[in-house]
Amino acid sequence: MSGRVGQSEVGRDSLQPRVVWLEKDLEQLVTRFLRRKQADLQRLRAALLEADFEFIERVGHDLKGAGEGFGFPELSVLGAKLELAARGREKELLDVHFATMERYLKRIQVRFN
């Protein structure tokens, strides 16, 4: 997929892109991917309340691997941070990363050409 991914116009914070351009044939796939990331965020927060760091680490690892492939390298970076914070059982840092992920998902604007 990475050969078909467009460029993102990134704001001051690298996790706050304004626009990501992708090929039209990816629209359905990318839309589902972003919807799943919203759902993942809710599951991650619930897992933190239950101290399920293994689940958070696994989701972070998956996000690290998938983000760039779908055209969102910032999500890959965030996934790596989630994975490491979960491994270290750093609750406060995980809260910060969850907030960053939420801001990112709200601010991303995907355009297809």
Protein backbone atom coordinates (compact mmCIF):
# COMPACT_ATOMS: atom_id res chain seq x y z
CA MET A 1 0.00 0.00 0.00
CA SER A 2 2.78 2.44 0.78
CA GLY A 3 3.42 3.12 -2.91
CA ARG A 4 -0.11 4.45 -3.30
CA VAL A 5 -0.10 6.75 -0.31
CA GLY A 6 -0.12 10.50 -0.73
CA GLN A 7 1.52 13.15 1.38
CA SER A 8 0.17 14.81 4.48
CA GLU A 9 0.29 18.49 5.19
CA VAL A 10 1.37 18.56 8.81
CA GLY A 11 0.70 21.37 11.27
CA ARG A 12 3.06 22.47 14.04
CA ASP A 13 2.54 19.27 16.02
CA SER A 14 3.49 16.24 13.93
CA LEU A 15 0.48 14.39 15.32
CA GLN A 16 -1.96 17.05 14.11
CA PRO A 17 -2.12 16.84 10.32
CA ARG A 18 -4.63 18.96 8.53
CA VAL A 19 -4.98 17.04 5.27
CA VAL A 20 -3.83 13.65 4.02
CA TRP A 21 -4.23 12.94 0.30
CA LEU A 22 -4.77 9.32 -0.75
CA GLU A 23 -5.84 7.56 -3.90
CA LYS A 24 -9.59 7.27 -4.49
CA ASP A 25 -9.48 3.45 -4.61
CA LEU A 26 -8.46 3.44 -0.93
CA GLU A 27 -11.47 5.43 0.28
CA GLN A 28 -13.57 2.57 1.63
CA LEU A 29 -10.62 0.79 3.23
CA VAL A 30 -9.23 3.93 4.87
CA THR A 31 -12.65 5.02 6.11
CA ARG A 32 -13.10 1.65 7.85
CA PHE A 33 -9.56 1.82 9.25
CA LEU A 34 -10.16 5.24 10.82
CA ARG A 35 -13.51 4.13 12.24
CA ARG A 36 -11.79 1.15 13.85
CA LYS A 37 -9.15 3.42 15.37
CA GLN A 38 -11.92 5.46 17.02
CA ALA A 39 -13.35 2.24 18.48
CA ASP A 40 -9.86 1.13 19.52
CA LEU A 41 -9.45 4.35 21.47
CA GLN A 42 -12.49 3.52 23.60
CA ARG A 43 -11.24 -0.03 24.17
CA LEU A 44 -7.80 1.29 25.10
CA ARG A 45 -9.25 3.59 27.74
CA ALA A 46 -11.32 0.74 29.18
CA ALA A 47 -8.24 -1.50 29.20
CA LEU A 48 -6.29 1.11 31.14
CA LEU A 49 -9.01 1.22 33.79
CA GLU A 50 -8.64 -2.55 34.12
CA ALA A 51 -4.82 -2.33 34.04
CA ASP A 52 -4.80 -4.56 30.94
CA PHE A 53 -1.39 -3.42 29.73
CA GLU A 54 -0.95 -6.46 27.51
CA PHE A 55 -4.00 -5.45 25.46
CA ILE A 56 -2.74 -1.86 25.18
CA GLU A 57 0.69 -3.07 24.13
CA ARG A 58 -0.83 -5.32 21.45
CA VAL A 59 -3.04 -2.55 20.05
CA GLY A 60 -0.06 -0.17 20.06
CA HIS A 61 2.02 -2.72 18.20
CA ASP A 62 -0.73 -3.22 15.60
CA LEU A 63 -1.13 0.54 15.18
CA LYS A 64 2.63 0.93 14.78
CA GLY A 65 2.56 -1.56 11.94
CA ALA A 66 -0.61 -0.41 10.18
CA GLY A 67 -0.54 3.38 10.46
CA GLU A 68 2.06 4.07 7.81
CA GLY A 69 0.63 1.48 5.44
CA PHE A 70 -2.68 3.30 5.47
CA GLY A 71 -1.05 6.69 4.92
CA PHE A 72 -0.82 7.85 8.52
CA PRO A 73 2.82 7.66 9.63
CA GLU A 74 1.95 9.76 12.68
CA LEU A 75 -0.27 6.91 13.90
CA SER A 76 2.66 4.51 13.53
CA VAL A 77 4.77 6.76 15.75
CA LEU A 78 1.95 6.98 18.27
CA GLY A 79 1.49 3.20 18.18
CA ALA A 80 5.15 2.73 19.09
CA LYS A 81 4.74 5.15 21.99
CA LEU A 82 1.64 3.28 23.22
CA GLU A 83 3.48 -0.02 23.01
CA LEU A 84 6.43 1.22 25.04
CA ALA A 85 4.31 3.01 27.65
CA ALA A 86 2.17 -0.11 28.11
CA ARG A 87 5.25 -2.27 28.47
CA GLY A 88 6.45 0.10 31.20
CA ARG A 89 2.97 0.25 32.78
CA GLU A 90 3.05 4.05 32.62
CA LYS A 91 -0.59 4.96 33.23
CA GLU A 92 -0.16 8.74 33.13
CA LEU A 93 1.82 8.60 29.90
CA LEU A 94 -0.79 6.32 28.35
CA ASP A 95 -3.46 8.89 29.22
CA VAL A 96 -1.40 11.53 27.41
CA HIS A 97 -1.01 9.28 24.36
CA PHE A 98 -4.74 8.50 24.32
CA ALA A 99 -5.51 12.23 24.35
CA THR A 100 -3.04 12.75 21.50
CA MET A 101 -4.66 9.96 19.50
CA GLU A 102 -8.10 11.45 20.08
CA ARG A 103 -6.94 14.90 18.90
CA TYR A 104 -5.28 13.38 15.86
CA LEU A 105 -8.35 11.38 14.84
CA LYS A 106 -10.56 14.46 15.24
CA ARG A 107 -8.30 16.73 13.22
CA ILE A 108 -7.36 14.46 10.35
CA GLN A 109 -8.97 15.32 7.05
CA VAL A 110 -8.58 12.67 4.38
CA ARG A 111 -8.99 13.71 0.77
CA PHE A 112 -9.07 11.28 -2.12
CA ASN A 113 -7.92 11.95 -5.65
